[in-house]
Each structure stands twice: as C-alpha cells, then as structure tokens.
Amino acid sequence: MDRTEGAGLTIALIGHVALFGILSVGFLATPNPLKLKPTPIEVALVDQVALESTSPTPTSEEPAAKLSPVEAPIEPDSAPPEPAPNPQPVAKPQPTPPKPAPAPDAVKPAPKPLPASNSTKPAPKAPTKPAPAQAPSRPSNRPVAPTGRLDGLLNGISDKPAKSTSTTPPAANVGPEVKAALQAEVMRQIRPHWAPPSGADSDKLRTVVQVRLNPDGSLASAPQVVGQSGVTDSNRAQADLARDRAIRAVRLAAPFKLPPQFYEAWKVIKPTLFEDM
C-alpha cells in the first residue's frame, strides 16, 4: 500500500468517526426515548356492527309531530256565505178611517145580562189582521251562466244602415315586416319571367316598374317604367332593352297571388329589376 492510499484510508476513517459521534450526540439529546414507542390499540373482530343510540330511552317508533305553541285559527270547510241583499222596506198598511158614530135615534138599548150559569163559554177570538205582503227580494249578485247565444249583442250600436257595398275585407295593419315579405313575394313571382340583357356594365342597370293591381292580382293598368339607374356609356345600348324586358316580365307574372287581407299594401307595386335578382 503506497502513501496516497494510506492517506485516503485515514481520511475516510476520520469521517466515519465524526458521523458516528454526531448521531450519538443527537440520540442522547432526546429527553425521553421511551415515549416514542407507539401505544397499542385494542381491535375486536365481530360479525355484526351497529350504531350506538345516543337517546336516553331508545325506541323504534317514529317521533310524533311537533305542535305549534300558538293555536292557529280554524279554517272554514266551505266558502263564506254570500252577503244578504239589502232588505226592502215593508210597506205599512194604511189605517182604516174611523166609522161615523150612529145617530142618537138609532142607538139600541144594551141587552140585559144573562143569568150566570155553571157552564162557561169561551170568549170570542179577536179577528186577526192579514200579514202585509212582502216586497220581492232583489236577485243576488251571482254571475249568470253563459248561454252561448249572441242575440241582441249589437243592438243599440247604430240605428242607421251601412251605406258601404264593398265586399273586400277591412285592411289589416301593415308593418315593415309585412311590407318586406310582400316585396319579396312579388320579386319571386317575377323572377322566372325576367331575362336581363348581357353586355358591358349590364349588371349596373336598375329598372323600376310601376303597376296597379286588382284585388284578384290581375293588372288594373299597363306597367310602365318610372325609374332607371346605373346607365353608363358602356351599357346605354342595353338600357332600352332592359326597360322593355322589365315590362314584359311584369305582364307575364300577372295575375299575382298575394294575400287579400293586405290588398291596400300591394294594390300598387314598384318592383326593381336588375341582372342578379
């Protein structure tokens, strides 16, 4: 063993001795090593396990309902009776006028009293007055069951006959959505008959046709062009052709099938025809 190996072995031995000393000092510094021992726990192995009751008097019956300390008012089983109508005052009988006193000559002598007898006769009963007639009670405020009859429903609204002879149903309220739907339906019925001209800048042409319709959708007047836009030097030759074809398409699309209740909204239509419609 050479000198270098001896030095390494010496250093290793010194390190082990130092480590052993440190561990010994730490073990001796523990106050009571006996307290580190674990405490044993008793375990019982049984076939059945149940919860332990915490009630002083355990029972299997359900507990009774707890009553309120304050007694609640008793609710009636039926609906409250309807209030009695106001009683009508009973008419009092008119007093009969007193009879005139008889003349002195016509006074008859009072009859002589009969001798008393052992048998007693019952005293005559006083005439009873008839009970006054009671006024008829008012009908209660209960709702009358519907009968389904409409007789007399419009009585009193007007006492003059109507002068109108129109058979067209009244116009309905037309909003923006209805107008847009009617315009789309008109364009849908014209589209199959529309043949736009082809050429340079022909897609810029916009031709507006106006026509008046009858209630059945037929033409009430001849279609006529009321406006045209997008005309340039390149498509000026196609502009006149677009006008003629637009009028022809409207004529072929008639009669239009549109809802009659909105006739006031489509009796005059102004479709705009262009190449990519």
C-alpha atoms as a PDB file:
ATOM      1  CA  MET A   1       0.000   0.000   0.000  1.00  0.00           C
ATOM      2  CA  ASP A   2       1.574   3.251  -1.054  1.00  0.00           C
ATOM      3  CA  ARG A   3       1.480   6.575   0.600  1.00  0.00           C
ATOM      4  CA  THR A   4      -1.527   8.002  -1.286  1.00  0.00           C
ATOM      5  CA  GLU A   5      -3.803   5.068  -0.457  1.00  0.00           C
ATOM      6  CA  GLY A   6      -2.862   5.309   3.225  1.00  0.00           C
ATOM      7  CA  ALA A   7      -3.820   8.992   3.332  1.00  0.00           C
ATOM      8  CA  GLY A   8      -7.233   8.292   1.747  1.00  0.00           C
ATOM      9  CA  LEU A   9      -7.963   5.469   4.128  1.00  0.00           C
ATOM     10  CA  THR A  10      -7.074   7.702   7.054  1.00  0.00           C
ATOM     11  CA  ILE A  11      -9.423  10.472   5.865  1.00  0.00           C
ATOM     12  CA  ALA A  12     -12.314   8.023   5.405  1.00  0.00           C
ATOM     13  CA  LEU A  13     -11.822   6.598   8.852  1.00  0.00           C
ATOM     14  CA  ILE A  14     -11.824  10.065  10.409  1.00  0.00           C
ATOM     15  CA  GLY A  15     -15.112  10.931   8.581  1.00  0.00           C
ATOM     16  CA  HIS A  16     -16.880   7.825   9.807  1.00  0.00           C
ATOM     17  CA  VAL A  17     -15.816   8.505  13.364  1.00  0.00           C
ATOM     18  CA  ALA A  18     -17.133  12.078  13.122  1.00  0.00           C
ATOM     19  CA  LEU A  19     -20.508  10.928  11.703  1.00  0.00           C
ATOM     20  CA  PHE A  20     -20.904   8.360  14.471  1.00  0.00           C
ATOM     21  CA  GLY A  21     -20.208  10.994  17.055  1.00  0.00           C
ATOM     22  CA  ILE A  22     -22.841  13.369  15.622  1.00  0.00           C
ATOM     23  CA  LEU A  23     -25.525  10.664  15.602  1.00  0.00           C
ATOM     24  CA  SER A  24     -24.672   9.689  19.166  1.00  0.00           C
ATOM     25  CA  VAL A  25     -24.969  13.274  20.368  1.00  0.00           C
ATOM     26  CA  GLY A  26     -28.392  13.644  18.687  1.00  0.00           C
ATOM     27  CA  PHE A  27     -29.690  10.423  20.206  1.00  0.00           C
ATOM     28  CA  LEU A  28     -28.514  11.371  23.673  1.00  0.00           C
ATOM     29  CA  ALA A  29     -30.149  14.815  23.328  1.00  0.00           C
ATOM     30  CA  THR A  30     -33.667  13.204  23.158  1.00  0.00           C
ATOM     31  CA  PRO A  31     -35.369  13.883  26.537  1.00  0.00           C
ATOM     32  CA  ASN A  32     -37.215  10.534  26.930  1.00  0.00           C
ATOM     33  CA  PRO A  33     -36.709   7.950  24.172  1.00  0.00           C
ATOM     34  CA  LEU A  34     -39.243   5.599  25.784  1.00  0.00           C
ATOM     35  CA  LYS A  35     -42.150   7.934  24.874  1.00  0.00           C
ATOM     36  CA  LEU A  36     -41.536   7.308  21.177  1.00  0.00           C
ATOM     37  CA  LYS A  37     -42.974   3.801  21.453  1.00  0.00           C
ATOM     38  CA  PRO A  38     -46.459   3.541  19.783  1.00  0.00           C
ATOM     39  CA  THR A  39     -49.497   2.965  22.029  1.00  0.00           C
ATOM     40  CA  PRO A  40     -51.276  -0.310  21.201  1.00  0.00           C
ATOM     41  CA  ILE A  41     -54.969  -0.155  20.138  1.00  0.00           C
ATOM     42  CA  GLU A  42     -57.425  -2.849  21.037  1.00  0.00           C
ATOM     43  CA  VAL A  43     -59.358  -4.158  17.991  1.00  0.00           C
ATOM     44  CA  ALA A  44     -62.362  -6.529  18.247  1.00  0.00           C
ATOM     45  CA  LEU A  45     -63.410  -8.595  15.207  1.00  0.00           C
ATOM     46  CA  VAL A  46     -67.194  -9.237  15.280  1.00  0.00           C
ATOM     47  CA  ASP A  47     -69.712 -10.377  12.676  1.00  0.00           C
ATOM     48  CA  GLN A  48     -72.269  -7.521  13.095  1.00  0.00           C
ATOM     49  CA  VAL A  49     -71.672  -3.861  13.846  1.00  0.00           C
ATOM     50  CA  ALA A  50     -74.456  -1.343  14.628  1.00  0.00           C
ATOM     51  CA  LEU A  51     -74.628   2.349  15.536  1.00  0.00           C
ATOM     52  CA  GLU A  52     -74.833   3.167  19.184  1.00  0.00           C
ATOM     53  CA  SER A  53     -78.004   5.068  20.145  1.00  0.00           C
ATOM     54  CA  THR A  54     -77.494   8.365  21.973  1.00  0.00           C
ATOM     55  CA  SER A  55     -81.123   8.629  23.167  1.00  0.00           C
ATOM     56  CA  PRO A  56     -81.726   8.006  26.889  1.00  0.00           C
ATOM     57  CA  THR A  57     -84.780   5.872  26.056  1.00  0.00           C
ATOM     58  CA  PRO A  58     -84.196   4.359  22.607  1.00  0.00           C
ATOM     59  CA  THR A  59     -87.284   3.238  20.641  1.00  0.00           C
ATOM     60  CA  SER A  60     -88.039   2.096  17.071  1.00  0.00           C
ATOM     61  CA  GLU A  61     -91.247   4.198  16.684  1.00  0.00           C
ATOM     62  CA  GLU A  62     -91.315   7.414  14.656  1.00  0.00           C
ATOM     63  CA  PRO A  63     -91.416  10.648  16.700  1.00  0.00           C
ATOM     64  CA  ALA A  64     -94.776  12.449  16.889  1.00  0.00           C
ATOM     65  CA  ALA A  65     -95.377  15.699  15.036  1.00  0.00           C
ATOM     66  CA  LYS A  66     -94.379  18.770  16.977  1.00  0.00           C
ATOM     67  CA  LEU A  67     -97.329  21.127  17.562  1.00  0.00           C
ATOM     68  CA  SER A  68     -97.100  24.888  17.471  1.00  0.00           C
ATOM     69  CA  PRO A  69     -97.284  26.595  20.880  1.00  0.00           C
ATOM     70  CA  VAL A  70     -99.763  29.125  19.395  1.00  0.00           C
ATOM     71  CA  GLU A  71    -103.155  27.817  18.311  1.00  0.00           C
ATOM     72  CA  ALA A  72    -103.943  28.739  14.691  1.00  0.00           C
ATOM     73  CA  PRO A  73    -107.415  29.924  13.635  1.00  0.00           C
ATOM     74  CA  ILE A  74    -109.734  27.238  12.303  1.00  0.00           C
ATOM     75  CA  GLU A  75    -110.240  27.475   8.557  1.00  0.00           C
ATOM     76  CA  PRO A  76    -113.827  27.061   7.342  1.00  0.00           C
ATOM     77  CA  ASP A  77    -114.514  23.987   5.273  1.00  0.00           C
ATOM     78  CA  SER A  78    -116.759  25.786   2.803  1.00  0.00           C
ATOM     79  CA  ALA A  79    -116.713  29.184   1.157  1.00  0.00           C
ATOM     80  CA  PRO A  80    -118.169  32.071   3.178  1.00  0.00           C
ATOM     81  CA  PRO A  81    -121.852  32.681   2.513  1.00  0.00           C
ATOM     82  CA  GLU A  82    -122.759  35.446   0.165  1.00  0.00           C
ATOM     83  CA  PRO A  83    -123.855  38.690   1.772  1.00  0.00           C
ATOM     84  CA  ALA A  84    -127.592  39.004   2.051  1.00  0.00           C
ATOM     85  CA  PRO A  85    -129.132  41.605  -0.236  1.00  0.00           C
ATOM     86  CA  ASN A  86    -130.365  44.847   1.234  1.00  0.00           C
ATOM     87  CA  PRO A  87    -133.859  44.227   2.610  1.00  0.00           C
ATOM     88  CA  GLN A  88    -136.625  46.288   1.084  1.00  0.00           C
ATOM     89  CA  PRO A  89    -138.693  48.317   3.474  1.00  0.00           C
ATOM     90  CA  VAL A  90    -142.027  46.632   4.123  1.00  0.00           C
ATOM     91  CA  ALA A  91    -144.986  48.769   3.179  1.00  0.00           C
ATOM     92  CA  LYS A  92    -147.101  49.583   6.225  1.00  0.00           C
ATOM     93  CA  PRO A  93    -150.852  49.094   5.845  1.00  0.00           C
ATOM     94  CA  GLN A  94    -152.842  52.250   5.613  1.00  0.00           C
ATOM     95  CA  PRO A  95    -155.010  52.843   8.723  1.00  0.00           C
ATOM     96  CA  THR A  96    -158.714  52.410   8.078  1.00  0.00           C
ATOM     97  CA  PRO A  97    -160.764  55.561   8.562  1.00  0.00           C
ATOM     98  CA  PRO A  98    -162.964  55.509  11.721  1.00  0.00           C
ATOM     99  CA  LYS A  99    -166.625  54.733  11.189  1.00  0.00           C
ATOM    100  CA  PRO A 100    -169.048  57.593  11.808  1.00  0.00           C
ATOM    101  CA  ALA A 101    -170.905  57.483  15.131  1.00  0.00           C
ATOM    102  CA  PRO A 102    -174.529  56.363  14.816  1.00  0.00           C
ATOM    103  CA  ALA A 103    -177.304  58.858  15.267  1.00  0.00           C
ATOM    104  CA  PRO A 104    -178.911  59.139  18.742  1.00  0.00           C
ATOM    105  CA  ASP A 105    -182.203  57.761  17.463  1.00  0.00           C
ATOM    106  CA  ALA A 106    -180.551  54.648  16.151  1.00  0.00           C
ATOM    107  CA  VAL A 107    -178.942  53.755  19.471  1.00  0.00           C
ATOM    108  CA  LYS A 108    -180.283  50.417  20.619  1.00  0.00           C
ATOM    109  CA  PRO A 109    -180.698  49.585  24.287  1.00  0.00           C
ATOM    110  CA  ALA A 110    -177.982  47.409  25.700  1.00  0.00           C
ATOM    111  CA  PRO A 111    -179.043  43.792  26.115  1.00  0.00           C
ATOM    112  CA  LYS A 112    -179.746  42.548  29.585  1.00  0.00           C
ATOM    113  CA  PRO A 113    -177.072  40.389  31.158  1.00  0.00           C
ATOM    114  CA  LEU A 114    -177.869  36.723  31.150  1.00  0.00           C
ATOM    115  CA  PRO A 115    -178.045  34.882  34.429  1.00  0.00           C
ATOM    116  CA  ALA A 116    -174.807  33.246  35.450  1.00  0.00           C
ATOM    117  CA  SER A 117    -174.608  29.529  34.888  1.00  0.00           C
ATOM    118  CA  ASN A 118    -172.226  26.829  35.889  1.00  0.00           C
ATOM    119  CA  SER A 119    -171.006  26.304  32.292  1.00  0.00           C
ATOM    120  CA  THR A 120    -168.602  28.883  30.934  1.00  0.00           C
ATOM    121  CA  LYS A 121    -168.371  29.654  27.239  1.00  0.00           C
ATOM    122  CA  PRO A 122    -165.025  30.596  25.610  1.00  0.00           C
ATOM    123  CA  ALA A 123    -164.601  34.223  24.802  1.00  0.00           C
ATOM    124  CA  PRO A 124    -164.816  35.052  21.109  1.00  0.00           C
ATOM    125  CA  LYS A 125    -161.434  35.443  19.427  1.00  0.00           C
ATOM    126  CA  ALA A 126    -160.378  38.803  18.100  1.00  0.00           C
ATOM    127  CA  PRO A 127    -160.165  38.988  14.318  1.00  0.00           C
ATOM    128  CA  THR A 128    -156.605  38.711  13.080  1.00  0.00           C
ATOM    129  CA  LYS A 129    -155.268  41.114  10.512  1.00  0.00           C
ATOM    130  CA  PRO A 130    -153.765  39.689   7.340  1.00  0.00           C
ATOM    131  CA  ALA A 131    -149.971  39.841   7.165  1.00  0.00           C
ATOM    132  CA  PRO A 132    -148.710  42.580   4.840  1.00  0.00           C
ATOM    133  CA  ALA A 133    -147.333  41.377   1.542  1.00  0.00           C
ATOM    134  CA  GLN A 134    -143.546  41.303   1.475  1.00  0.00           C
ATOM    135  CA  ALA A 135    -141.719  43.070  -1.280  1.00  0.00           C
ATOM    136  CA  PRO A 136    -139.882  40.763  -3.694  1.00  0.00           C
ATOM    137  CA  SER A 137    -136.257  40.359  -2.781  1.00  0.00           C
ATOM    138  CA  ARG A 138    -133.557  41.570  -5.144  1.00  0.00           C
ATOM    139  CA  PRO A 139    -131.698  38.983  -7.158  1.00  0.00           C
ATOM    140  CA  SER A 140    -128.297  38.051  -5.807  1.00  0.00           C
ATOM    141  CA  ASN A 141    -125.054  39.167  -7.425  1.00  0.00           C
ATOM    142  CA  ARG A 142    -124.151  35.709  -8.632  1.00  0.00           C
ATOM    143  CA  PRO A 143    -122.818  35.565 -12.224  1.00  0.00           C
ATOM    144  CA  VAL A 144    -125.267  34.294 -14.765  1.00  0.00           C
ATOM    145  CA  ALA A 145    -124.159  31.158 -16.565  1.00  0.00           C
ATOM    146  CA  PRO A 146    -123.394  31.830 -20.269  1.00  0.00           C
ATOM    147  CA  THR A 147    -125.965  30.515 -22.698  1.00  0.00           C
ATOM    148  CA  GLY A 148    -123.865  30.768 -25.884  1.00  0.00           C
ATOM    149  CA  ARG A 149    -126.450  32.958 -27.622  1.00  0.00           C
ATOM    150  CA  LEU A 150    -125.444  36.230 -29.287  1.00  0.00           C
ATOM    151  CA  ASP A 151    -128.944  37.600 -29.846  1.00  0.00           C
ATOM    152  CA  GLY A 152    -129.055  41.349 -29.341  1.00  0.00           C
ATOM    153  CA  LEU A 153    -125.274  41.682 -28.977  1.00  0.00           C
ATOM    154  CA  LEU A 154    -125.066  44.577 -31.470  1.00  0.00           C
ATOM    155  CA  ASN A 155    -128.371  46.211 -30.549  1.00  0.00           C
ATOM    156  CA  GLY A 156    -128.053  49.927 -29.879  1.00  0.00           C
ATOM    157  CA  ILE A 157    -124.622  50.356 -31.534  1.00  0.00           C
ATOM    158  CA  SER A 158    -126.048  52.095 -34.590  1.00  0.00           C
ATOM    159  CA  ASP A 159    -129.586  52.815 -35.709  1.00  0.00           C
ATOM    160  CA  LYS A 160    -128.622  53.607 -39.327  1.00  0.00           C
ATOM    161  CA  PRO A 161    -127.999  51.027 -42.057  1.00  0.00           C
ATOM    162  CA  ALA A 162    -124.500  50.814 -43.537  1.00  0.00           C
ATOM    163  CA  LYS A 163    -124.096  52.539 -46.903  1.00  0.00           C
ATOM    164  CA  SER A 164    -120.982  50.609 -47.996  1.00  0.00           C
ATOM    165  CA  THR A 165    -121.323  47.997 -50.734  1.00  0.00           C
ATOM    166  CA  SER A 166    -117.721  46.774 -50.630  1.00  0.00           C
ATOM    167  CA  THR A 167    -117.155  43.047 -50.184  1.00  0.00           C
ATOM    168  CA  THR A 168    -113.404  43.401 -49.582  1.00  0.00           C
ATOM    169  CA  PRO A 169    -112.316  42.554 -46.032  1.00  0.00           C
ATOM    170  CA  PRO A 170    -111.033  45.512 -43.997  1.00  0.00           C
ATOM    171  CA  ALA A 171    -107.362  46.350 -44.364  1.00  0.00           C
ATOM    172  CA  ALA A 172    -105.082  44.892 -41.703  1.00  0.00           C
ATOM    173  CA  ASN A 173    -102.250  46.752 -40.044  1.00  0.00           C
ATOM    174  CA  VAL A 174     -99.215  46.566 -42.315  1.00  0.00           C
ATOM    175  CA  GLY A 175     -95.846  46.827 -40.630  1.00  0.00           C
ATOM    176  CA  PRO A 176     -92.311  46.903 -42.060  1.00  0.00           C
ATOM    177  CA  GLU A 177     -92.019  43.114 -41.833  1.00  0.00           C
ATOM    178  CA  VAL A 178     -95.221  42.584 -43.843  1.00  0.00           C
ATOM    179  CA  LYS A 179     -94.146  45.090 -46.498  1.00  0.00           C
ATOM    180  CA  ALA A 180     -90.763  43.396 -46.865  1.00  0.00           C
ATOM    181  CA  ALA A 181     -92.431  39.989 -47.187  1.00  0.00           C
ATOM    182  CA  LEU A 182     -94.837  41.282 -49.873  1.00  0.00           C
ATOM    183  CA  GLN A 183     -91.988  42.802 -51.888  1.00  0.00           C
ATOM    184  CA  ALA A 184     -90.042  39.556 -51.702  1.00  0.00           C
ATOM    185  CA  GLU A 185     -93.097  37.581 -52.862  1.00  0.00           C
ATOM    186  CA  VAL A 186     -93.622  39.935 -55.843  1.00  0.00           C
ATOM    187  CA  MET A 187     -89.973  39.561 -56.883  1.00  0.00           C
ATOM    188  CA  ARG A 188     -90.208  35.776 -56.512  1.00  0.00           C
ATOM    189  CA  GLN A 189     -93.152  35.634 -58.936  1.00  0.00           C
ATOM    190  CA  ILE A 190     -91.451  37.971 -61.467  1.00  0.00           C
ATOM    191  CA  ARG A 191     -88.017  36.264 -61.413  1.00  0.00           C
ATOM    192  CA  PRO A 192     -88.908  33.280 -63.708  1.00  0.00           C
ATOM    193  CA  HIS A 193     -90.032  35.712 -66.467  1.00  0.00           C
ATOM    194  CA  TRP A 194     -87.113  38.142 -66.214  1.00  0.00           C
ATOM    195  CA  ALA A 195     -84.349  37.892 -68.870  1.00  0.00           C
ATOM    196  CA  PRO A 196     -81.751  40.621 -68.221  1.00  0.00           C
ATOM    197  CA  PRO A 197     -79.671  41.899 -71.159  1.00  0.00           C
ATOM    198  CA  SER A 198     -75.996  40.957 -71.346  1.00  0.00           C
ATOM    199  CA  GLY A 199     -73.087  43.223 -72.167  1.00  0.00           C
ATOM    200  CA  ALA A 200     -70.580  45.596 -70.649  1.00  0.00           C
ATOM    201  CA  ASP A 201     -71.743  47.092 -67.331  1.00  0.00           C
ATOM    202  CA  SER A 202     -75.179  45.469 -67.714  1.00  0.00           C
ATOM    203  CA  ASP A 203     -75.052  44.408 -64.060  1.00  0.00           C
ATOM    204  CA  LYS A 204     -75.216  48.080 -63.008  1.00  0.00           C
ATOM    205  CA  LEU A 205     -78.672  48.675 -64.518  1.00  0.00           C
ATOM    206  CA  ARG A 206     -81.606  49.048 -62.072  1.00  0.00           C
ATOM    207  CA  THR A 207     -85.062  49.335 -63.690  1.00  0.00           C
ATOM    208  CA  VAL A 208     -88.126  50.290 -61.585  1.00  0.00           C
ATOM    209  CA  VAL A 209     -91.562  49.294 -62.942  1.00  0.00           C
ATOM    210  CA  GLN A 210     -94.855  50.575 -61.500  1.00  0.00           C
ATOM    211  CA  VAL A 211     -98.215  48.816 -61.985  1.00  0.00           C
ATOM    212  CA  ARG A 212    -101.644  48.926 -60.316  1.00  0.00           C
ATOM    213  CA  LEU A 213    -103.286  45.596 -59.452  1.00  0.00           C
ATOM    214  CA  ASN A 214    -106.883  44.490 -58.965  1.00  0.00           C
ATOM    215  CA  PRO A 215    -107.963  42.662 -55.791  1.00  0.00           C
ATOM    216  CA  ASP A 216    -107.628  39.357 -57.681  1.00  0.00           C
ATOM    217  CA  GLY A 217    -103.991  40.112 -58.591  1.00  0.00           C
ATOM    218  CA  SER A 218    -104.614  40.952 -62.243  1.00  0.00           C
ATOM    219  CA  LEU A 219    -103.273  44.115 -63.888  1.00  0.00           C
ATOM    220  CA  ALA A 220    -105.506  47.158 -63.411  1.00  0.00           C
ATOM    221  CA  SER A 221    -103.230  49.375 -65.528  1.00  0.00           C
ATOM    222  CA  ALA A 222    -100.417  48.910 -68.003  1.00  0.00           C
ATOM    223  CA  PRO A 223     -96.938  48.531 -66.453  1.00  0.00           C
ATOM    224  CA  GLN A 224     -94.637  51.485 -67.035  1.00  0.00           C
ATOM    225  CA  VAL A 225     -91.020  52.233 -66.161  1.00  0.00           C
ATOM    226  CA  VAL A 226     -90.784  55.007 -63.584  1.00  0.00           C
ATOM    227  CA  GLY A 227     -87.040  54.951 -62.993  1.00  0.00           C
ATOM    228  CA  GLN A 228     -83.738  53.533 -64.167  1.00  0.00           C
ATOM    229  CA  SER A 229     -80.263  53.921 -62.644  1.00  0.00           C
ATOM    230  CA  GLY A 230     -76.750  52.682 -63.382  1.00  0.00           C
ATOM    231  CA  VAL A 231     -76.767  53.846 -67.017  1.00  0.00           C
ATOM    232  CA  THR A 232     -73.218  54.402 -68.399  1.00  0.00           C
ATOM    233  CA  ASP A 233     -71.728  54.939 -71.822  1.00  0.00           C
ATOM    234  CA  SER A 234     -70.911  51.243 -71.998  1.00  0.00           C
ATOM    235  CA  ASN A 235     -74.425  49.926 -71.242  1.00  0.00           C
ATOM    236  CA  ARG A 236     -76.542  52.668 -72.815  1.00  0.00           C
ATOM    237  CA  ALA A 237     -77.488  50.321 -75.635  1.00  0.00           C
ATOM    238  CA  GLN A 238     -78.729  47.700 -73.126  1.00  0.00           C
ATOM    239  CA  ALA A 239     -80.749  50.262 -71.097  1.00  0.00           C
ATOM    240  CA  ASP A 240     -83.660  50.409 -73.549  1.00  0.00           C
ATOM    241  CA  LEU A 241     -83.651  46.620 -73.843  1.00  0.00           C
ATOM    242  CA  ALA A 242     -83.778  46.284 -70.033  1.00  0.00           C
ATOM    243  CA  ARG A 243     -86.827  48.595 -69.933  1.00  0.00           C
ATOM    244  CA  ASP A 244     -88.739  46.506 -72.470  1.00  0.00           C
ATOM    245  CA  ARG A 245     -87.875  43.200 -70.806  1.00  0.00           C
ATOM    246  CA  ALA A 246     -88.837  44.520 -67.362  1.00  0.00           C
ATOM    247  CA  ILE A 247     -92.340  45.468 -68.608  1.00  0.00           C
ATOM    248  CA  ARG A 248     -92.647  42.090 -70.332  1.00  0.00           C
ATOM    249  CA  ALA A 249     -91.678  40.199 -67.126  1.00  0.00           C
ATOM    250  CA  VAL A 250     -94.349  42.001 -65.065  1.00  0.00           C
ATOM    251  CA  ARG A 251     -97.026  41.237 -67.676  1.00  0.00           C
ATOM    252  CA  LEU A 252     -96.126  37.540 -67.754  1.00  0.00           C
ATOM    253  CA  ALA A 253     -96.093  37.268 -63.944  1.00  0.00           C
ATOM    254  CA  ALA A 254     -99.710  38.510 -63.645  1.00  0.00           C
ATOM    255  CA  PRO A 255    -102.049  37.653 -62.067  1.00  0.00           C
ATOM    256  CA  PHE A 256    -100.093  37.872 -58.822  1.00  0.00           C
ATOM    257  CA  LYS A 257    -101.035  35.603 -55.926  1.00  0.00           C
ATOM    258  CA  LEU A 258    -100.913  37.797 -52.826  1.00  0.00           C
ATOM    259  CA  PRO A 259    -102.878  37.749 -49.511  1.00  0.00           C
ATOM    260  CA  PRO A 260    -106.174  39.637 -49.978  1.00  0.00           C
ATOM    261  CA  GLN A 261    -106.233  40.981 -46.403  1.00  0.00           C
ATOM    262  CA  PHE A 262    -103.205  43.176 -47.289  1.00  0.00           C
ATOM    263  CA  TYR A 263    -104.603  44.486 -50.598  1.00  0.00           C
ATOM    264  CA  GLU A 264    -104.107  48.103 -49.527  1.00  0.00           C
ATOM    265  CA  ALA A 265    -100.360  47.380 -49.269  1.00  0.00           C
ATOM    266  CA  TRP A 266     -99.924  45.728 -52.692  1.00  0.00           C
ATOM    267  CA  LYS A 267    -102.566  47.342 -54.910  1.00  0.00           C
ATOM    268  CA  VAL A 268     -99.663  49.419 -56.358  1.00  0.00           C
ATOM    269  CA  ILE A 269     -96.303  47.636 -56.688  1.00  0.00           C
ATOM    270  CA  LYS A 270     -92.933  49.027 -57.796  1.00  0.00           C
ATOM    271  CA  PRO A 271     -90.537  46.120 -58.342  1.00  0.00           C
ATOM    272  CA  THR A 272     -86.876  46.905 -59.130  1.00  0.00           C
ATOM    273  CA  LEU A 273     -85.374  44.576 -61.742  1.00  0.00           C
ATOM    274  CA  PHE A 274     -81.628  44.033 -62.180  1.00  0.00           C
ATOM    275  CA  GLU A 275     -79.313  41.351 -63.505  1.00  0.00           C
ATOM    276  CA  ASP A 276     -78.619  39.306 -60.353  1.00  0.00           C
ATOM    277  CA  MET A 277     -82.071  39.480 -58.757  1.00  0.00           C
END
